[in-house]
């Protein structure tokens, strides 16, 4: 299944710089693992916001949840998920 995931980072502004840097580094590393595993397909930044839109693939919603909660920034993220279905025009005959 494919999912459109919108995530906004709500890490408090008073987070120490060293903690913020460690979290960003760990987040990037975990995202690369998800990409290499075929879970994270595409990722876009939302201009003007500390937010992303991602295209994810997972066996089911529970597997997607496990992937998202494995992100180091998870507890500071506001996330919305939309399951996607193939449009008939996209089907190849």
C-alpha atoms as a PDB file:
ATOM      1  CA  UNK A   1       0.000   0.000   0.000  1.00  0.00           C
ATOM      2  CA  UNK A   2       1.068   3.565  -0.581  1.00  0.00           C
ATOM      3  CA  UNK A   3       0.492   6.407   1.865  1.00  0.00           C
ATOM      4  CA  UNK A   4       0.814  10.173   1.675  1.00  0.00           C
ATOM      5  CA  UNK A   5       2.293  11.357   4.977  1.00  0.00           C
ATOM      6  CA  UNK A   6       2.298  14.992   6.038  1.00  0.00           C
ATOM      7  CA  UNK A   7       4.532  15.713   9.018  1.00  0.00           C
ATOM      8  CA  UNK A   8       5.316  18.926  10.840  1.00  0.00           C
ATOM      9  CA  UNK A   9       8.248  19.121  13.240  1.00  0.00           C
ATOM     10  CA  UNK A  10       7.155  20.687  16.529  1.00  0.00           C
ATOM     11  CA  UNK A  11      10.470  20.388  18.378  1.00  0.00           C
ATOM     12  CA  UNK A  12      10.406  23.201  20.973  1.00  0.00           C
ATOM     13  CA  UNK A  13      12.391  26.315  20.042  1.00  0.00           C
ATOM     14  CA  UNK A  14      14.271  26.182  23.332  1.00  0.00           C
ATOM     15  CA  UNK A  15      15.763  22.757  22.525  1.00  0.00           C
ATOM     16  CA  UNK A  16      19.541  23.021  22.985  1.00  0.00           C
ATOM     17  CA  UNK A  17      21.467  23.197  19.714  1.00  0.00           C
ATOM     18  CA  UNK A  18      23.481  20.040  20.449  1.00  0.00           C
ATOM     19  CA  UNK A  19      20.296  18.046  21.093  1.00  0.00           C
ATOM     20  CA  UNK A  20      18.681  19.491  17.955  1.00  0.00           C
ATOM     21  CA  UNK A  21      21.756  18.566  15.886  1.00  0.00           C
ATOM     22  CA  UNK A  22      21.835  15.005  17.268  1.00  0.00           C
ATOM     23  CA  UNK A  23      18.143  14.527  16.516  1.00  0.00           C
ATOM     24  CA  UNK A  24      18.512  15.855  12.950  1.00  0.00           C
ATOM     25  CA  UNK A  25      21.460  13.547  12.302  1.00  0.00           C
ATOM     26  CA  UNK A  26      19.612  10.531  13.714  1.00  0.00           C
ATOM     27  CA  UNK A  27      16.452  11.446  11.775  1.00  0.00           C
ATOM     28  CA  UNK A  28      18.396  11.675   8.511  1.00  0.00           C
ATOM     29  CA  UNK A  29      20.070   8.303   9.156  1.00  0.00           C
ATOM     30  CA  UNK A  30      16.759   6.575   9.937  1.00  0.00           C
ATOM     31  CA  UNK A  31      15.101   8.137   6.881  1.00  0.00           C
ATOM     32  CA  UNK A  32      17.917   6.765   4.712  1.00  0.00           C
ATOM     33  CA  UNK A  33      17.338   3.293   6.191  1.00  0.00           C
ATOM     34  CA  UNK A  34      13.633   3.559   5.389  1.00  0.00           C
ATOM     35  CA  UNK A  35      14.500   4.710   1.868  1.00  0.00           C
ATOM     36  CA  UNK A  36      16.928   1.810   1.368  1.00  0.00           C
ATOM     37  CA  UNK A  37      14.248  -0.572   2.657  1.00  0.00           C
ATOM     38  CA  UNK A  38      11.740   0.708   0.083  1.00  0.00           C
ATOM     39  CA  UNK A  39       9.446   2.252   2.701  1.00  0.00           C
ATOM     40  CA  UNK A  40      10.204   5.917   2.043  1.00  0.00           C
ATOM     41  CA  UNK A  41       9.691   6.499  -1.665  1.00  0.00           C
ATOM     42  CA  UNK A  42       9.791  10.298  -1.986  1.00  0.00           C
ATOM     43  CA  UNK A  43      10.142  13.239   0.376  1.00  0.00           C
ATOM     44  CA  UNK A  44       9.367  16.919  -0.192  1.00  0.00           C
ATOM     45  CA  UNK A  45       9.907  19.990   1.991  1.00  0.00           C
ATOM     46  CA  UNK A  46       7.039  22.396   2.526  1.00  0.00           C
ATOM     47  CA  UNK A  47       8.351  25.909   1.833  1.00  0.00           C
ATOM     48  CA  UNK A  48       7.989  28.304   4.746  1.00  0.00           C
ATOM     49  CA  UNK A  49       7.305  25.569   7.307  1.00  0.00           C
ATOM     50  CA  UNK A  50       9.285  22.980   9.208  1.00  0.00           C
ATOM     51  CA  UNK A  51       7.263  20.279   7.494  1.00  0.00           C
ATOM     52  CA  UNK A  52       7.501  17.509   4.926  1.00  0.00           C
ATOM     53  CA  UNK A  53       5.252  15.519   2.637  1.00  0.00           C
ATOM     54  CA  UNK A  54       6.349  11.965   2.006  1.00  0.00           C
ATOM     55  CA  UNK A  55       5.272   9.065  -0.148  1.00  0.00           C
ATOM     56  CA  UNK A  56       5.626   5.846   1.825  1.00  0.00           C
ATOM     57  CA  UNK A  57       4.997   2.200   0.945  1.00  0.00           C
ATOM     58  CA  UNK A  58       4.112  -0.338   3.621  1.00  0.00           C
ATOM     59  CA  UNK A  59       2.357  -3.675   3.839  1.00  0.00           C
ATOM     60  CA  UNK A  60      -0.484  -2.168   5.859  1.00  0.00           C
ATOM     61  CA  UNK A  61      -1.278   0.795   8.143  1.00  0.00           C
ATOM     62  CA  UNK A  62       0.276  -0.975  11.147  1.00  0.00           C
ATOM     63  CA  UNK A  63       3.589  -1.402   9.300  1.00  0.00           C
ATOM     64  CA  UNK A  64       3.522   2.280   8.325  1.00  0.00           C
ATOM     65  CA  UNK A  65       2.867   3.217  11.949  1.00  0.00           C
ATOM     66  CA  UNK A  66       5.880   1.156  13.023  1.00  0.00           C
ATOM     67  CA  UNK A  67       8.058   2.912  10.438  1.00  0.00           C
ATOM     68  CA  UNK A  68       6.901   6.381  11.454  1.00  0.00           C
ATOM     69  CA  UNK A  69       7.286   5.747  15.178  1.00  0.00           C
ATOM     70  CA  UNK A  70      10.845   4.554  14.533  1.00  0.00           C
ATOM     71  CA  UNK A  71      11.814   8.099  13.527  1.00  0.00           C
ATOM     72  CA  UNK A  72      13.825   9.841  16.261  1.00  0.00           C
ATOM     73  CA  UNK A  73      11.701  13.007  15.952  1.00  0.00           C
ATOM     74  CA  UNK A  74       8.429  11.050  16.212  1.00  0.00           C
ATOM     75  CA  UNK A  75       7.324  12.432  19.564  1.00  0.00           C
ATOM     76  CA  UNK A  76       7.654  16.015  18.271  1.00  0.00           C
ATOM     77  CA  UNK A  77       5.814  15.446  14.999  1.00  0.00           C
ATOM     78  CA  UNK A  78       2.256  16.292  14.040  1.00  0.00           C
ATOM     79  CA  UNK A  79       1.471  13.637  11.417  1.00  0.00           C
ATOM     80  CA  UNK A  80      -1.462  13.022   9.099  1.00  0.00           C
ATOM     81  CA  UNK A  81      -1.707   9.996   6.830  1.00  0.00           C
ATOM     82  CA  UNK A  82      -3.792   9.334   3.749  1.00  0.00           C
ATOM     83  CA  UNK A  83      -3.963   5.851   2.250  1.00  0.00           C
ATOM     84  CA  UNK A  84      -3.663   5.989  -1.541  1.00  0.00           C
ATOM     85  CA  UNK A  85      -5.332   3.795  -4.144  1.00  0.00           C
ATOM     86  CA  UNK A  86      -4.299   3.429  -7.761  1.00  0.00           C
ATOM     87  CA  UNK A  87      -6.439   5.473 -10.147  1.00  0.00           C
ATOM     88  CA  UNK A  88      -7.845   3.513 -13.112  1.00  0.00           C
ATOM     89  CA  UNK A  89      -5.956   5.791 -15.522  1.00  0.00           C
ATOM     90  CA  UNK A  90      -2.690   4.655 -13.898  1.00  0.00           C
ATOM     91  CA  UNK A  91      -3.291   0.972 -14.528  1.00  0.00           C
ATOM     92  CA  UNK A  92      -1.302  -0.453 -17.378  1.00  0.00           C
ATOM     93  CA  UNK A  93      -3.036  -2.893 -19.622  1.00  0.00           C
END
